[in-house]
Amino acid sequence: MGVQVHYIEGHSDRCGPDITLRLSDLMAGLGHLPGFVGADLLCSPDQPGLCLLESRWQGDVPPLEVPVGCRAWAFTVTESWTPPPQA
């Protein structure tokens, strides 16, 4: 299996006002799990209170503790594109 991308979506209305900190703490603990490639915590200035923890995995995503009130999805990367180097 190739790369999988996992998202945990949290919103302060459903998950509590500290959801950004909780997802940040969760992200900090991912590095020791098998297959971990990297992660980003995304917060939207256009959608206050919305955060996404996006993590990338080589192979299957291991079981992750999804905070109460959050939703989660995993996707298999089926195609990627990178722009050519600039001359």
PDB file of N, CA and C in Angstrom:
ATOM      1  N   MET A   1       0.844  -1.182   0.000  1.00  0.00           N
ATOM      2  CA  MET A   1       0.000   0.000   0.000  1.00  0.00           C
ATOM      3  C   MET A   1       0.883   1.235   0.000  1.00  0.00           C
ATOM      4  N   GLY A   2       0.420   2.290  -0.646  1.00  0.00           N
ATOM      5  CA  GLY A   2       1.176   3.528  -0.743  1.00  0.00           C
ATOM      6  C   GLY A   2       0.930   4.446   0.439  1.00  0.00           C
ATOM      7  N   VAL A   3       0.959   5.732   0.146  1.00  0.00           N
ATOM      8  CA  VAL A   3       0.788   6.761   1.167  1.00  0.00           C
ATOM      9  C   VAL A   3      -0.700   6.970   1.450  1.00  0.00           C
ATOM     10  N   GLN A   4      -1.026   7.124   2.727  1.00  0.00           N
ATOM     11  CA  GLN A   4      -2.371   7.513   3.133  1.00  0.00           C
ATOM     12  C   GLN A   4      -2.287   8.856   3.842  1.00  0.00           C
ATOM     13  N   VAL A   5      -3.330   9.651   3.665  1.00  0.00           N
ATOM     14  CA  VAL A   5      -3.460  10.937   4.344  1.00  0.00           C
ATOM     15  C   VAL A   5      -4.655  10.826   5.284  1.00  0.00           C
ATOM     16  N   HIS A   6      -4.457  11.212   6.518  1.00  0.00           N
ATOM     17  CA  HIS A   6      -5.507  11.121   7.532  1.00  0.00           C
ATOM     18  C   HIS A   6      -5.835  12.531   8.019  1.00  0.00           C
ATOM     19  N   TYR A   7      -7.116  12.820   8.145  1.00  0.00           N
ATOM     20  CA  TYR A   7      -7.570  14.114   8.638  1.00  0.00           C
ATOM     21  C   TYR A   7      -8.398  13.920   9.895  1.00  0.00           C
ATOM     22  N   ILE A   8      -8.147  14.740  10.884  1.00  0.00           N
ATOM     23  CA  ILE A   8      -9.041  14.866  12.040  1.00  0.00           C
ATOM     24  C   ILE A   8      -9.549  16.304  12.006  1.00  0.00           C
ATOM     25  N   GLU A   9     -10.852  16.445  11.912  1.00  0.00           N
ATOM     26  CA  GLU A   9     -11.484  17.769  11.876  1.00  0.00           C
ATOM     27  C   GLU A   9     -12.074  18.071  13.241  1.00  0.00           C
ATOM     28  N   GLY A  10     -11.680  19.201  13.788  1.00  0.00           N
ATOM     29  CA  GLY A  10     -12.228  19.642  15.062  1.00  0.00           C
ATOM     30  C   GLY A  10     -12.743  21.060  14.957  1.00  0.00           C
ATOM     31  N   HIS A  11     -13.827  21.315  15.645  1.00  0.00           N
ATOM     32  CA  HIS A  11     -14.378  22.672  15.693  1.00  0.00           C
ATOM     33  C   HIS A  11     -14.688  22.989  17.141  1.00  0.00           C
ATOM     34  N   SER A  12     -14.351  24.193  17.545  1.00  0.00           N
ATOM     35  CA  SER A  12     -14.521  24.576  18.943  1.00  0.00           C
ATOM     36  C   SER A  12     -15.971  24.440  19.404  1.00  0.00           C
ATOM     37  N   ASP A  13     -16.947  24.569  18.498  1.00  0.00           N
ATOM     38  CA  ASP A  13     -18.352  24.416  18.879  1.00  0.00           C
ATOM     39  C   ASP A  13     -18.672  22.995  19.318  1.00  0.00           C
ATOM     40  N   ARG A  14     -18.037  22.001  18.686  1.00  0.00           N
ATOM     41  CA  ARG A  14     -18.319  20.589  18.977  1.00  0.00           C
ATOM     42  C   ARG A  14     -17.298  19.964  19.923  1.00  0.00           C
ATOM     43  N   CYS A  15     -16.061  20.461  19.863  1.00  0.00           N
ATOM     44  CA  CYS A  15     -14.948  19.789  20.551  1.00  0.00           C
ATOM     45  C   CYS A  15     -14.404  20.569  21.736  1.00  0.00           C
ATOM     46  N   GLY A  16     -14.867  21.775  21.946  1.00  0.00           N
ATOM     47  CA  GLY A  16     -14.390  22.602  23.049  1.00  0.00           C
ATOM     48  C   GLY A  16     -13.406  23.663  22.586  1.00  0.00           C
ATOM     49  N   PRO A  17     -13.281  24.734  23.363  1.00  0.00           N
ATOM     50  CA  PRO A  17     -12.437  25.868  22.957  1.00  0.00           C
ATOM     51  C   PRO A  17     -10.953  25.545  22.888  1.00  0.00           C
ATOM     52  N   ASP A  18     -10.521  24.443  23.493  1.00  0.00           N
ATOM     53  CA  ASP A  18      -9.100  24.090  23.492  1.00  0.00           C
ATOM     54  C   ASP A  18      -8.741  23.101  22.381  1.00  0.00           C
ATOM     55  N   ILE A  19      -9.588  22.964  21.364  1.00  0.00           N
ATOM     56  CA  ILE A  19      -9.359  21.943  20.337  1.00  0.00           C
ATOM     57  C   ILE A  19      -8.034  22.154  19.598  1.00  0.00           C
ATOM     58  N   THR A  20      -7.637  23.386  19.356  1.00  0.00           N
ATOM     59  CA  THR A  20      -6.368  23.625  18.673  1.00  0.00           C
ATOM     60  C   THR A  20      -5.209  23.067  19.490  1.00  0.00           C
ATOM     61  N   LEU A  21      -5.201  23.313  20.773  1.00  0.00           N
ATOM     62  CA  LEU A  21      -4.148  22.795  21.648  1.00  0.00           C
ATOM     63  C   LEU A  21      -4.194  21.273  21.712  1.00  0.00           C
ATOM     64  N   ARG A  22      -5.383  20.696  21.799  1.00  0.00           N
ATOM     65  CA  ARG A  22      -5.496  19.232  21.881  1.00  0.00           C
ATOM     66  C   ARG A  22      -5.007  18.565  20.597  1.00  0.00           C
ATOM     67  N   LEU A  23      -5.347  19.145  19.435  1.00  0.00           N
ATOM     68  CA  LEU A  23      -4.861  18.575  18.177  1.00  0.00           C
ATOM     69  C   LEU A  23      -3.351  18.778  18.027  1.00  0.00           C
ATOM     70  N   SER A  24      -2.840  19.893  18.518  1.00  0.00           N
ATOM     71  CA  SER A  24      -1.399  20.131  18.495  1.00  0.00           C
ATOM     72  C   SER A  24      -0.668  19.090  19.360  1.00  0.00           C
ATOM     73  N   ASP A  25      -1.206  18.824  20.540  1.00  0.00           N
ATOM     74  CA  ASP A  25      -0.615  17.807  21.413  1.00  0.00           C
ATOM     75  C   ASP A  25      -0.671  16.431  20.760  1.00  0.00           C
ATOM     76  N   LEU A  26      -1.788  16.122  20.107  1.00  0.00           N
ATOM     77  CA  LEU A  26      -1.917  14.843  19.409  1.00  0.00           C
ATOM     78  C   LEU A  26      -0.870  14.735  18.303  1.00  0.00           C
ATOM     79  N   MET A  27      -0.705  15.814  17.534  1.00  0.00           N
ATOM     80  CA  MET A  27       0.275  15.834  16.453  1.00  0.00           C
ATOM     81  C   MET A  27       1.688  15.598  16.996  1.00  0.00           C
ATOM     82  N   ALA A  28       2.006  16.197  18.124  1.00  0.00           N
ATOM     83  CA  ALA A  28       3.343  16.062  18.707  1.00  0.00           C
ATOM     84  C   ALA A  28       3.661  14.619  19.089  1.00  0.00           C
ATOM     85  N   GLY A  29       2.640  13.806  19.306  1.00  0.00           N
ATOM     86  CA  GLY A  29       2.869  12.434  19.704  1.00  0.00           C
ATOM     87  C   GLY A  29       2.846  11.420  18.568  1.00  0.00           C
ATOM     88  N   LEU A  30       2.685  11.875  17.332  1.00  0.00           N
ATOM     89  CA  LEU A  30       2.574  10.943  16.215  1.00  0.00           C
ATOM     90  C   LEU A  30       3.909  10.379  15.753  1.00  0.00           C
ATOM     91  N   GLY A  31       4.989  11.072  15.988  1.00  0.00           N
ATOM     92  CA  GLY A  31       6.286  10.721  15.425  1.00  0.00           C
ATOM     93  C   GLY A  31       6.803   9.337  15.759  1.00  0.00           C
ATOM     94  N   HIS A  32       6.387   8.772  16.860  1.00  0.00           N
ATOM     95  CA  HIS A  32       6.884   7.444  17.249  1.00  0.00           C
ATOM     96  C   HIS A  32       6.078   6.304  16.617  1.00  0.00           C
ATOM     97  N   LEU A  33       4.978   6.611  15.947  1.00  0.00           N
ATOM     98  CA  LEU A  33       4.128   5.563  15.374  1.00  0.00           C
ATOM     99  C   LEU A  33       4.699   5.058  14.050  1.00  0.00           C
ATOM    100  N   PRO A  34       4.551   3.761  13.785  1.00  0.00           N
ATOM    101  CA  PRO A  34       5.101   3.198  12.545  1.00  0.00           C
ATOM    102  C   PRO A  34       4.434   3.774  11.304  1.00  0.00           C
ATOM    103  N   GLY A  35       5.249   4.112  10.315  1.00  0.00           N
ATOM    104  CA  GLY A  35       4.747   4.618   9.046  1.00  0.00           C
ATOM    105  C   GLY A  35       4.533   6.118   8.997  1.00  0.00           C
ATOM    106  N   PHE A  36       4.762   6.821  10.103  1.00  0.00           N
ATOM    107  CA  PHE A  36       4.521   8.277  10.121  1.00  0.00           C
ATOM    108  C   PHE A  36       5.485   8.989   9.185  1.00  0.00           C
ATOM    109  N   VAL A  37       4.942   9.859   8.326  1.00  0.00           N
ATOM    110  CA  VAL A  37       5.757  10.614   7.372  1.00  0.00           C
ATOM    111  C   VAL A  37       5.814  12.091   7.754  1.00  0.00           C
ATOM    112  N   GLY A  38       4.709  12.653   8.246  1.00  0.00           N
ATOM    113  CA  GLY A  38       4.666  14.065   8.621  1.00  0.00           C
ATOM    114  C   GLY A  38       3.243  14.490   8.915  1.00  0.00           C
ATOM    115  N   ALA A  39       3.089  15.714   9.432  1.00  0.00           N
ATOM    116  CA  ALA A  39       1.765  16.211   9.780  1.00  0.00           C
ATOM    117  C   ALA A  39       1.752  17.726   9.769  1.00  0.00           C
ATOM    118  N   ASP A  40       0.567  18.282   9.592  1.00  0.00           N
ATOM    119  CA  ASP A  40       0.342  19.723   9.657  1.00  0.00           C
ATOM    120  C   ASP A  40      -0.955  19.975  10.417  1.00  0.00           C
ATOM    121  N   LEU A  41      -0.967  21.030  11.213  1.00  0.00           N
ATOM    122  CA  LEU A  41      -2.183  21.477  11.873  1.00  0.00           C
ATOM    123  C   LEU A  41      -2.656  22.710  11.126  1.00  0.00           C
ATOM    124  N   LEU A  42      -3.850  22.636  10.585  1.00  0.00           N
ATOM    125  CA  LEU A  42      -4.399  23.709   9.758  1.00  0.00           C
ATOM    126  C   LEU A  42      -5.542  24.390  10.494  1.00  0.00           C
ATOM    127  N   CYS A  43      -5.493  25.720  10.562  1.00  0.00           N
ATOM    128  CA  CYS A  43      -6.569  26.506  11.159  1.00  0.00           C
ATOM    129  C   CYS A  43      -6.978  27.566  10.152  1.00  0.00           C
ATOM    130  N   SER A  44      -8.269  27.785  10.017  1.00  0.00           N
ATOM    131  CA  SER A  44      -8.777  28.671   8.983  1.00  0.00           C
ATOM    132  C   SER A  44      -9.156  30.040   9.543  1.00  0.00           C
ATOM    133  N   PRO A  45      -8.499  31.099   9.068  1.00  0.00           N
ATOM    134  CA  PRO A  45      -8.914  32.437   9.508  1.00  0.00           C
ATOM    135  C   PRO A  45     -10.303  32.795   8.983  1.00  0.00           C
ATOM    136  N   ASP A  46     -10.732  32.166   7.901  1.00  0.00           N
ATOM    137  CA  ASP A  46     -12.063  32.422   7.351  1.00  0.00           C
ATOM    138  C   ASP A  46     -13.152  31.609   8.038  1.00  0.00           C
ATOM    139  N   GLN A  47     -12.747  30.599   8.828  1.00  0.00           N
ATOM    140  CA  GLN A  47     -13.704  29.768   9.561  1.00  0.00           C
ATOM    141  C   GLN A  47     -13.201  29.619  10.997  1.00  0.00           C
ATOM    142  N   PRO A  48     -13.361  30.668  11.809  1.00  0.00           N
ATOM    143  CA  PRO A  48     -12.830  30.630  13.178  1.00  0.00           C
ATOM    144  C   PRO A  48     -13.331  29.404  13.936  1.00  0.00           C
ATOM    145  N   GLY A  49     -12.423  28.788  14.656  1.00  0.00           N
ATOM    146  CA  GLY A  49     -12.765  27.623  15.459  1.00  0.00           C
ATOM    147  C   GLY A  49     -12.571  26.303  14.740  1.00  0.00           C
ATOM    148  N   LEU A  50     -12.347  26.329  13.420  1.00  0.00           N
ATOM    149  CA  LEU A  50     -12.158  25.108  12.640  1.00  0.00           C
ATOM    150  C   LEU A  50     -10.675  24.770  12.538  1.00  0.00           C
ATOM    151  N   CYS A  51     -10.327  23.520  12.846  1.00  0.00           N
ATOM    152  CA  CYS A  51      -8.951  23.045  12.730  1.00  0.00           C
ATOM    153  C   CYS A  51      -8.948  21.669  12.082  1.00  0.00           C
ATOM    154  N   LEU A  52      -7.919  21.404  11.300  1.00  0.00           N
ATOM    155  CA  LEU A  52      -7.704  20.091  10.700  1.00  0.00           C
ATOM    156  C   LEU A  52      -6.298  19.629  11.058  1.00  0.00           C
ATOM    157  N   LEU A  53      -6.206  18.426  11.569  1.00  0.00           N
ATOM    158  CA  LEU A  53      -4.910  17.795  11.752  1.00  0.00           C
ATOM    159  C   LEU A  53      -4.738  16.841  10.581  1.00  0.00           C
ATOM    160  N   GLU A  54      -3.814  17.166   9.698  1.00  0.00           N
ATOM    161  CA  GLU A  54      -3.554  16.367   8.498  1.00  0.00           C
ATOM    162  C   GLU A  54      -2.255  15.626   8.728  1.00  0.00           C
ATOM    163  N   SER A  55      -2.299  14.297   8.640  1.00  0.00           N
ATOM    164  CA  SER A  55      -1.087  13.501   8.822  1.00  0.00           C
ATOM    165  C   SER A  55      -0.916  12.559   7.639  1.00  0.00           C
ATOM    166  N   ARG A  56       0.351  12.263   7.332  1.00  0.00           N
ATOM    167  CA  ARG A  56       0.685  11.409   6.185  1.00  0.00           C
ATOM    168  C   ARG A  56       1.391  10.162   6.692  1.00  0.00           C
ATOM    169  N   TRP A  57       1.032   9.020   6.063  1.00  0.00           N
ATOM    170  CA  TRP A  57       1.501   7.722   6.538  1.00  0.00           C
ATOM    171  C   TRP A  57       1.932   6.859   5.376  1.00  0.00           C
ATOM    172  N   GLN A  58       3.011   6.142   5.553  1.00  0.00           N
ATOM    173  CA  GLN A  58       3.432   5.136   4.588  1.00  0.00           C
ATOM    174  C   GLN A  58       2.703   3.855   4.968  1.00  0.00           C
ATOM    175  N   GLY A  59       1.742   3.450   4.147  1.00  0.00           N
ATOM    176  CA  GLY A  59       0.923   2.281   4.476  1.00  0.00           C
ATOM    177  C   GLY A  59      -0.299   2.681   5.267  1.00  0.00           C
ATOM    178  N   ASP A  60      -0.858   1.717   5.975  1.00  0.00           N
ATOM    179  CA  ASP A  60      -2.091   1.960   6.722  1.00  0.00           C
ATOM    180  C   ASP A  60      -1.883   2.931   7.876  1.00  0.00           C
ATOM    181  N   VAL A  61      -2.902   3.722   8.138  1.00  0.00           N
ATOM    182  CA  VAL A  61      -2.893   4.628   9.287  1.00  0.00           C
ATOM    183  C   VAL A  61      -3.134   3.783  10.540  1.00  0.00           C
ATOM    184  N   PRO A  62      -2.279   3.924  11.550  1.00  0.00           N
ATOM    185  CA  PRO A  62      -2.516   3.165  12.782  1.00  0.00           C
ATOM    186  C   PRO A  62      -3.748   3.720  13.511  1.00  0.00           C
ATOM    187  N   PRO A  63      -4.296   2.991  14.447  1.00  0.00           N
ATOM    188  CA  PRO A  63      -5.417   3.532  15.226  1.00  0.00           C
ATOM    189  C   PRO A  63      -4.983   4.818  15.941  1.00  0.00           C
ATOM    190  N   LEU A  64      -5.752   5.866  15.758  1.00  0.00           N
ATOM    191  CA  LEU A  64      -5.459   7.152  16.394  1.00  0.00           C
ATOM    192  C   LEU A  64      -6.598   7.513  17.328  1.00  0.00           C
ATOM    193  N   GLU A  65      -6.254   8.162  18.437  1.00  0.00           N
ATOM    194  CA  GLU A  65      -7.269   8.612  19.381  1.00  0.00           C
ATOM    195  C   GLU A  65      -7.877   9.914  18.862  1.00  0.00           C
ATOM    196  N   VAL A  66      -9.092   9.832  18.372  1.00  0.00           N
ATOM    197  CA  VAL A  66      -9.788  11.000  17.840  1.00  0.00           C
ATOM    198  C   VAL A  66     -10.525  11.671  18.996  1.00  0.00           C
ATOM    199  N   PRO A  67     -10.238  12.956  19.260  1.00  0.00           N
ATOM    200  CA  PRO A  67     -10.905  13.635  20.372  1.00  0.00           C
ATOM    201  C   PRO A  67     -12.432  13.609  20.223  1.00  0.00           C
ATOM    202  N   VAL A  68     -13.113  13.552  21.349  1.00  0.00           N
ATOM    203  CA  VAL A  68     -14.566  13.539  21.372  1.00  0.00           C
ATOM    204  C   VAL A  68     -15.102  14.760  20.631  1.00  0.00           C
ATOM    205  N   GLY A  69     -16.078  14.527  19.763  1.00  0.00           N
ATOM    206  CA  GLY A  69     -16.702  15.603  18.995  1.00  0.00           C
ATOM    207  C   GLY A  69     -16.040  15.847  17.653  1.00  0.00           C
ATOM    208  N   CYS A  70     -14.858  15.269  17.430  1.00  0.00           N
ATOM    209  CA  CYS A  70     -14.150  15.445  16.167  1.00  0.00           C
ATOM    210  C   CYS A  70     -14.560  14.356  15.182  1.00  0.00           C
ATOM    211  N   ARG A  71     -14.296  14.614  13.930  1.00  0.00           N
ATOM    212  CA  ARG A  71     -14.528  13.625  12.880  1.00  0.00           C
ATOM    213  C   ARG A  71     -13.189  13.299  12.236  1.00  0.00           C
ATOM    214  N   ALA A  72     -13.084  12.097  11.644  1.00  0.00           N
ATOM    215  CA  ALA A  72     -11.815  11.685  11.048  1.00  0.00           C
ATOM    216  C   ALA A  72     -12.060  10.904   9.768  1.00  0.00           C
ATOM    217  N   TRP A  73     -11.114  11.049   8.825  1.00  0.00           N
ATOM    218  CA  TRP A  73     -11.158  10.341   7.549  1.00  0.00           C
ATOM    219  C   TRP A  73      -9.737   9.972   7.147  1.00  0.00           C
ATOM    220  N   ALA A  74      -9.616   8.873   6.415  1.00  0.00           N
ATOM    221  CA  ALA A  74      -8.333   8.500   5.810  1.00  0.00           C
ATOM    222  C   ALA A  74      -8.545   8.388   4.306  1.00  0.00           C
ATOM    223  N   PHE A  75      -7.559   8.830   3.553  1.00  0.00           N
ATOM    224  CA  PHE A  75      -7.587   8.786   2.098  1.00  0.00           C
ATOM    225  C   PHE A  75      -6.318   8.130   1.602  1.00  0.00           C
ATOM    226  N   THR A  76      -6.421   7.348   0.540  1.00  0.00           N
ATOM    227  CA  THR A  76      -5.257   6.809  -0.133  1.00  0.00           C
ATOM    228  C   THR A  76      -4.852   7.782  -1.233  1.00  0.00           C
ATOM    229  N   VAL A  77      -3.585   8.136  -1.286  1.00  0.00           N
ATOM    230  CA  VAL A  77      -3.097   9.027  -2.337  1.00  0.00           C
ATOM    231  C   VAL A  77      -3.070   8.231  -3.638  1.00  0.00           C
ATOM    232  N   THR A  78      -3.892   8.636  -4.583  1.00  0.00           N
ATOM    233  CA  THR A  78      -3.959   7.928  -5.862  1.00  0.00           C
ATOM    234  C   THR A  78      -3.195   8.640  -6.964  1.00  0.00           C
ATOM    235  N   GLU A  79      -2.899   9.915  -6.744  1.00  0.00           N
ATOM    236  CA  GLU A  79      -2.138  10.668  -7.743  1.00  0.00           C
ATOM    237  C   GLU A  79      -1.540  11.891  -7.065  1.00  0.00           C
ATOM    238  N   SER A  80      -0.337  12.258  -7.461  1.00  0.00           N
ATOM    239  CA  SER A  80       0.329  13.453  -6.943  1.00  0.00           C
ATOM    240  C   SER A  80       0.927  14.223  -8.105  1.00  0.00           C
ATOM    241  N   TRP A  81       1.117  15.499  -7.894  1.00  0.00           N
ATOM    242  CA  TRP A  81       1.736  16.345  -8.898  1.00  0.00           C
ATOM    243  C   TRP A  81       2.634  17.343  -8.191  1.00  0.00           C
ATOM    244  N   THR A  82       3.808  17.527  -8.728  1.00  0.00           N
ATOM    245  CA  THR A  82       4.754  18.516  -8.229  1.00  0.00           C
ATOM    246  C   THR A  82       5.192  19.371  -9.404  1.00  0.00           C
ATOM    247  N   PRO A  83       5.176  20.700  -9.248  1.00  0.00           N
ATOM    248  CA  PRO A  83       5.608  21.530 -10.369  1.00  0.00           C
ATOM    249  C   PRO A  83       7.085  21.301 -10.689  1.00  0.00           C
ATOM    250  N   PRO A  84       7.451  21.463 -11.953  1.00  0.00           N
ATOM    251  CA  PRO A  84       8.862  21.291 -12.314  1.00  0.00           C
ATOM    252  C   PRO A  84       9.704  22.392 -11.691  1.00  0.00           C
ATOM    253  N   PRO A  85      10.979  22.130 -11.471  1.00  0.00           N
ATOM    254  CA  PRO A  85      11.852  23.162 -10.908  1.00  0.00           C
ATOM    255  C   PRO A  85      11.889  24.397 -11.802  1.00  0.00           C
ATOM    256  N   GLN A  86      11.953  25.534 -11.181  1.00  0.00           N
ATOM    257  CA  GLN A  86      12.054  26.796 -11.924  1.00  0.00           C
ATOM    258  C   GLN A  86      13.485  26.982 -12.412  1.00  0.00           C
ATOM    259  N   ALA A  87      13.613  27.417 -13.650  1.00  0.00           N
ATOM    260  CA  ALA A  87      14.957  27.617 -14.219  1.00  0.00           C
ATOM    261  C   ALA A  87      15.529  28.939 -13.791  1.00  0.00           C
TER     262      ALA A  87
END
